[in-house]
Amino acid sequence: MGIPWHWLFLAVGLCAASQSGNLVRLGHAPAEAIAAWRLLMASAVLLPFAWRQRAALANLGRTDWAVLGLAGLALAAHLVTWIAGVQHTTVANAMLFFAVNPVFTALGARLYGERATPRLLLSIALGLVGVAVIGVGDLSLARDQLPGDGLALLSAALFSAYFLLGKHVRKRLPNTLYVALLYGVAAIACFSLLAFEGAATLAYDPQTWLCFGLMALIPTLLGHSALNHALRWLPASRIAAATLVEPLLGGMVALLLWREPLTPAAGLGYTLIAASVLVLAGERRRRS
């Protein structure tokens, strides 16, 4: 039996989303600007394809539109707080604090009737321990980094909120149309925040524009879009648990491209994360 398409989309989404922290470092712009432009560019690319699916908008009622708007606002807030967190603390700190999002998602998913099975809880526990083992050596609790730590933790809660809200609407719309609308709402929110703060909108150097483009292409168009596609068929709590593999994927890219050394602690952490994915995959086979 072949692998279902939604599992392949989940794998692609995780690989792409895992590079967000690395790409943020390329830009020299406020978090709101990076989030705004990545969202606008992604929505613009999707718009011609989404336009062909516009008839599906008839499936949405007033409540659905309201939930879609809230999901877009939550996505905007998640991206801004995540990017700002990476900019104001270490990558290790941001990774550790954001890694609690599967816990938030599993708790919130109970509202949708999703049950946290023993295998899911074991998968989350193994993944969290693995992330902690990787990052604990670089963990810094310096006072000047506490705001960034808090933003990374807040971004985890906002990710769960945007993901769970999206589950309500995602079943009623084709994925391309849904994410185009979602990114559009989130982009409007980010640009509104930029205008309110009086921050620059266009005056950025070429490297920062490259950052905007890569953020739109990789973690947004490939990453978030693929994760939202998988959301139609997979429980939100299982997808959130699978995001714990992102430090492993990001570390592999760093090892291949920048020859970053693989420490024993990182090796142990990656092993635990891999074990958490195997536990989660084992649950999939049982459910099948």
Protein backbone atom coordinates (compact mmCIF):
# COMPACT_ATOMS: atom_id res chain seq x y z
CA MET A 1 0.00 0.00 0.00
CA GLY A 2 1.39 3.46 -0.94
CA ILE A 3 1.79 6.33 1.44
CA PRO A 4 -1.35 8.54 1.52
CA TRP A 5 -0.85 11.93 -0.14
CA HIS A 6 -1.60 13.89 3.02
CA TRP A 7 1.35 12.23 4.79
CA LEU A 8 3.61 13.28 1.92
CA PHE A 9 2.28 16.83 2.20
CA LEU A 10 2.98 16.73 5.94
CA ALA A 11 6.58 15.62 5.30
CA VAL A 12 7.13 18.39 2.74
CA GLY A 13 5.56 20.94 5.08
CA LEU A 14 7.79 19.97 7.97
CA CYS A 15 10.96 20.08 5.86
CA ALA A 16 10.11 23.54 4.53
CA ALA A 17 8.86 25.04 7.79
CA SER A 18 11.97 23.85 9.64
CA GLN A 19 14.10 26.39 7.73
CA SER A 20 12.23 29.46 8.96
CA GLY A 21 14.66 30.27 11.78
CA ASN A 22 17.66 30.13 9.43
CA LEU A 23 16.04 32.34 6.80
CA VAL A 24 14.96 35.01 9.30
CA ARG A 25 18.62 35.74 9.98
CA LEU A 26 19.13 36.86 6.36
CA GLY A 27 16.86 39.90 6.71
CA HIS A 28 17.44 43.27 8.32
CA ALA A 29 13.87 44.35 8.90
CA PRO A 30 11.30 44.46 11.72
CA ALA A 31 9.45 41.22 12.40
CA GLU A 32 6.21 42.80 11.17
CA ALA A 33 7.78 43.64 7.79
CA ILE A 34 9.20 40.15 7.27
CA ALA A 35 5.85 38.58 8.19
CA ALA A 36 3.87 41.05 6.03
CA TRP A 37 5.91 40.62 2.87
CA ARG A 38 6.23 36.83 3.11
CA LEU A 39 2.45 36.59 3.49
CA LEU A 40 1.65 39.07 0.71
CA MET A 41 4.03 37.41 -1.74
CA ALA A 42 2.67 33.95 -0.96
CA SER A 43 -0.94 35.09 -1.29
CA ALA A 44 -0.18 36.84 -4.60
CA VAL A 45 1.37 33.67 -6.05
CA LEU A 46 -1.67 31.62 -5.02
CA LEU A 47 -4.33 34.14 -6.10
CA PRO A 48 -4.61 33.11 -9.80
CA PHE A 49 -5.11 29.46 -8.79
CA ALA A 50 -7.47 30.33 -5.94
CA TRP A 51 -9.61 32.45 -8.28
CA ARG A 52 -10.57 29.32 -10.22
CA GLN A 53 -11.94 27.80 -7.00
CA ARG A 54 -13.95 30.86 -5.92
CA ALA A 55 -17.29 29.05 -6.34
CA ALA A 56 -16.46 27.14 -3.13
CA LEU A 57 -16.88 30.38 -1.16
CA ALA A 58 -20.61 29.69 -1.28
CA ASN A 59 -19.95 26.97 1.31
CA LEU A 60 -19.03 29.56 3.94
CA GLY A 61 -21.50 31.12 6.33
CA ARG A 62 -21.04 34.18 8.52
CA THR A 63 -19.51 32.11 11.30
CA ASP A 64 -17.05 30.54 8.88
CA TRP A 65 -15.92 33.97 7.64
CA ALA A 66 -15.47 35.15 11.22
CA VAL A 67 -13.42 32.07 12.10
CA LEU A 68 -11.32 32.51 8.95
CA GLY A 69 -10.64 36.11 9.97
CA LEU A 70 -9.62 35.03 13.46
CA ALA A 71 -7.36 32.32 12.03
CA GLY A 72 -5.67 34.91 9.80
CA LEU A 73 -5.14 37.27 12.74
CA ALA A 74 -3.74 34.40 14.83
CA LEU A 75 -1.37 33.45 11.97
CA ALA A 76 -0.18 37.05 11.66
CA ALA A 77 0.42 37.30 15.41
CA HIS A 78 2.18 33.90 15.41
CA LEU A 79 4.59 34.90 12.64
CA VAL A 80 5.36 38.31 14.13
CA THR A 81 6.03 36.91 17.60
CA TRP A 82 8.09 34.00 16.23
CA ILE A 83 10.28 36.22 14.04
CA ALA A 84 10.67 38.80 16.83
CA GLY A 85 11.50 36.00 19.26
CA VAL A 86 14.28 34.69 16.98
CA GLN A 87 15.59 38.25 16.61
CA HIS A 88 15.68 38.88 20.38
CA THR A 89 16.95 35.61 21.76
CA THR A 90 19.11 32.67 20.71
CA VAL A 91 17.88 30.16 18.15
CA ALA A 92 18.20 27.46 20.82
CA ASN A 93 15.96 29.39 23.22
CA ALA A 94 13.35 30.10 20.53
CA MET A 95 13.37 26.45 19.47
CA LEU A 96 12.91 25.20 23.03
CA PHE A 97 10.09 27.56 23.95
CA PHE A 98 8.22 27.07 20.65
CA ALA A 99 8.48 23.28 21.03
CA VAL A 100 5.67 23.28 23.60
CA ASN A 101 3.10 24.01 20.86
CA PRO A 102 2.03 20.32 20.60
CA VAL A 103 0.96 20.51 24.25
CA PHE A 104 -1.19 23.59 23.58
CA THR A 105 -2.62 22.00 20.43
CA ALA A 106 -3.42 18.68 22.11
CA LEU A 107 -5.26 20.51 24.89
CA GLY A 108 -7.18 22.74 22.47
CA ALA A 109 -7.97 19.84 20.13
CA ARG A 110 -10.17 18.34 22.83
CA LEU A 111 -12.75 20.96 21.81
CA TYR A 112 -12.95 19.13 18.47
CA GLY A 113 -13.27 15.75 20.15
CA GLU A 114 -9.66 14.72 19.46
CA ARG A 115 -8.45 12.38 22.17
CA ALA A 116 -4.84 12.43 23.35
CA THR A 117 -3.95 8.75 23.10
CA PRO A 118 -1.09 7.21 25.12
CA ARG A 119 0.97 6.90 21.91
CA LEU A 120 0.44 10.58 21.10
CA LEU A 121 1.46 11.62 24.62
CA LEU A 122 4.54 9.38 24.42
CA SER A 123 5.45 10.87 21.03
CA ILE A 124 5.15 14.43 22.38
CA ALA A 125 7.18 13.53 25.49
CA LEU A 126 9.99 11.95 23.46
CA GLY A 127 10.07 14.87 21.06
CA LEU A 128 10.14 17.48 23.84
CA VAL A 129 12.97 15.67 25.62
CA GLY A 130 14.87 15.41 22.33
CA VAL A 131 14.49 19.15 21.64
CA ALA A 132 15.56 19.91 25.23
CA VAL A 133 18.66 17.70 24.91
CA ILE A 134 19.64 19.49 21.69
CA GLY A 135 19.14 22.98 23.04
CA VAL A 136 19.98 22.74 26.73
CA GLY A 137 23.69 23.19 26.11
CA ASP A 138 23.04 26.49 24.30
CA LEU A 139 20.11 27.56 26.50
CA SER A 140 20.65 31.04 27.90
CA LEU A 141 18.41 32.68 30.47
CA ALA A 142 20.08 36.08 30.30
CA ARG A 143 17.82 38.92 31.36
CA ASP A 144 18.11 40.73 28.01
CA GLN A 145 16.86 37.59 26.20
CA LEU A 146 13.77 37.05 28.34
CA PRO A 147 11.52 39.16 26.07
CA GLY A 148 12.54 36.99 23.10
CA ASP A 149 11.91 33.84 25.13
CA GLY A 150 8.45 35.08 26.05
CA LEU A 151 7.68 35.93 22.41
CA ALA A 152 8.72 32.42 21.29
CA LEU A 153 6.44 30.89 23.92
CA LEU A 154 3.58 33.18 22.88
CA SER A 155 4.16 32.23 19.24
CA ALA A 156 3.68 28.57 20.20
CA ALA A 157 0.25 29.33 21.70
CA LEU A 158 -0.71 31.44 18.67
CA PHE A 159 0.38 28.67 16.27
CA SER A 160 -1.96 26.28 18.06
CA ALA A 161 -4.79 28.84 17.93
CA TYR A 162 -4.37 29.50 14.19
CA PHE A 163 -4.10 25.80 13.44
CA LEU A 164 -7.19 24.80 15.45
CA LEU A 165 -9.28 27.69 14.11
CA GLY A 166 -8.27 26.73 10.59
CA LYS A 167 -9.48 23.18 11.07
CA HIS A 168 -13.04 24.54 11.29
CA VAL A 169 -12.89 26.24 7.87
CA ARG A 170 -10.36 24.04 6.07
CA LYS A 171 -12.91 21.26 5.53
CA ARG A 172 -15.19 23.61 3.60
CA LEU A 173 -12.68 25.01 1.10
CA PRO A 174 -10.04 23.68 -1.32
CA ASN A 175 -6.59 24.11 0.16
CA THR A 176 -5.32 26.66 -2.38
CA LEU A 177 -8.33 28.93 -1.87
CA TYR A 178 -8.18 28.55 1.90
CA VAL A 179 -4.49 29.41 2.31
CA ALA A 180 -4.69 32.28 -0.21
CA LEU A 181 -7.45 33.86 1.89
CA LEU A 182 -5.66 33.02 5.13
CA TYR A 183 -2.37 34.58 4.02
CA GLY A 184 -4.23 37.59 2.62
CA VAL A 185 -5.99 38.31 5.91
CA ALA A 186 -2.75 37.84 7.84
CA ALA A 187 -0.85 40.11 5.41
CA ILE A 188 -3.42 42.90 5.83
CA ALA A 189 -3.05 42.61 9.60
CA CYS A 190 0.76 42.82 9.41
CA PHE A 191 0.79 45.79 7.02
CA SER A 192 -1.76 47.56 9.23
CA LEU A 193 0.60 47.05 12.17
CA LEU A 194 3.49 48.43 10.10
CA ALA A 195 1.45 51.53 9.22
CA PHE A 196 0.40 52.03 12.84
CA GLU A 197 4.01 51.90 13.98
CA GLY A 198 5.22 54.13 11.17
CA ALA A 199 7.84 51.55 10.17
CA ALA A 200 9.39 51.30 6.71
CA THR A 201 7.49 49.32 4.09
CA LEU A 202 9.76 49.39 1.03
CA ALA A 203 13.13 50.80 2.09
CA TYR A 204 15.11 47.58 2.51
CA ASP A 205 18.39 46.30 1.09
CA PRO A 206 18.57 43.53 -1.58
CA GLN A 207 19.51 40.85 0.96
CA THR A 208 16.40 41.64 3.01
CA TRP A 209 14.21 41.42 -0.11
CA LEU A 210 15.83 38.04 -0.78
CA CYS A 211 14.84 37.08 2.77
CA PHE A 212 11.24 38.14 2.08
CA GLY A 213 11.14 36.05 -1.09
CA LEU A 214 12.68 32.95 0.44
CA MET A 215 10.41 33.19 3.49
CA ALA A 216 7.40 33.40 1.15
CA LEU A 217 8.54 30.45 -0.98
CA ILE A 218 9.90 27.96 1.56
CA PRO A 219 8.28 28.13 5.02
CA THR A 220 5.05 29.78 3.75
CA LEU A 221 4.10 28.45 0.31
CA LEU A 222 5.70 25.04 0.84
CA GLY A 223 5.62 24.81 4.63
CA HIS A 224 2.39 26.25 6.01
CA SER A 225 0.42 25.44 2.84
CA ALA A 226 1.37 21.76 3.02
CA LEU A 227 0.62 21.57 6.75
CA ASN A 228 -2.81 23.11 6.16
CA HIS A 229 -3.44 20.63 3.35
CA ALA A 230 -2.70 17.76 5.75
CA LEU A 231 -5.04 19.35 8.30
CA ARG A 232 -8.06 18.26 6.26
CA TRP A 233 -7.32 14.57 6.89
CA LEU A 234 -5.10 14.42 9.98
CA PRO A 235 -5.88 15.42 13.57
CA ALA A 236 -4.40 18.80 14.50
CA SER A 237 -2.73 17.35 17.60
CA ARG A 238 -0.87 14.73 15.50
CA ILE A 239 0.39 17.35 13.05
CA ALA A 240 1.55 19.54 15.94
CA ALA A 241 3.39 16.58 17.47
CA ALA A 242 5.09 15.97 14.12
CA THR A 243 6.44 19.56 14.14
CA LEU A 244 8.83 18.44 16.87
CA VAL A 245 10.93 16.95 14.07
CA GLU A 246 11.78 20.45 12.79
CA PRO A 247 14.96 20.87 14.91
CA LEU A 248 16.25 17.60 13.46
CA LEU A 249 15.52 18.71 9.90
CA GLY A 250 17.03 22.13 10.46
CA GLY A 251 20.11 20.60 12.04
CA MET A 252 20.61 18.23 9.11
CA VAL A 253 20.57 21.16 6.68
CA ALA A 254 23.03 23.08 8.86
CA LEU A 255 25.30 20.03 8.95
CA LEU A 256 25.25 19.61 5.16
CA LEU A 257 25.46 23.26 4.10
CA TRP A 258 27.51 24.91 6.83
CA ARG A 259 29.42 21.92 8.23
CA GLU A 260 28.18 22.59 11.74
CA PRO A 261 29.58 19.89 14.03
CA LEU A 262 27.23 17.22 15.36
CA THR A 263 27.74 17.06 19.11
CA PRO A 264 26.93 13.93 21.16
CA ALA A 265 24.06 15.82 22.83
CA ALA A 266 22.62 16.79 19.44
CA GLY A 267 22.96 13.20 18.23
CA LEU A 268 21.05 11.92 21.27
CA GLY A 269 18.41 14.61 20.82
CA TYR A 270 17.92 13.77 17.14
CA THR A 271 17.60 10.09 18.05
CA LEU A 272 14.85 10.86 20.57
CA ILE A 273 13.03 13.03 18.04
CA ALA A 274 13.27 10.26 15.44
CA ALA A 275 11.86 7.84 18.03
CA SER A 276 8.94 10.22 18.64
CA VAL A 277 8.15 10.21 14.91
CA LEU A 278 8.27 6.40 14.82
CA VAL A 279 5.84 6.26 17.75
CA LEU A 280 3.53 8.66 15.92
CA ALA A 281 3.82 6.61 12.72
CA GLY A 282 3.02 3.48 14.70
CA GLU A 283 -0.20 5.10 15.86
CA ARG A 284 -1.07 5.88 12.23
CA ARG A 285 -0.70 2.22 11.30
CA ARG A 286 -2.89 1.13 14.20
CA ARG A 287 -5.60 3.67 13.27
CA SER A 288 -5.45 2.48 9.67
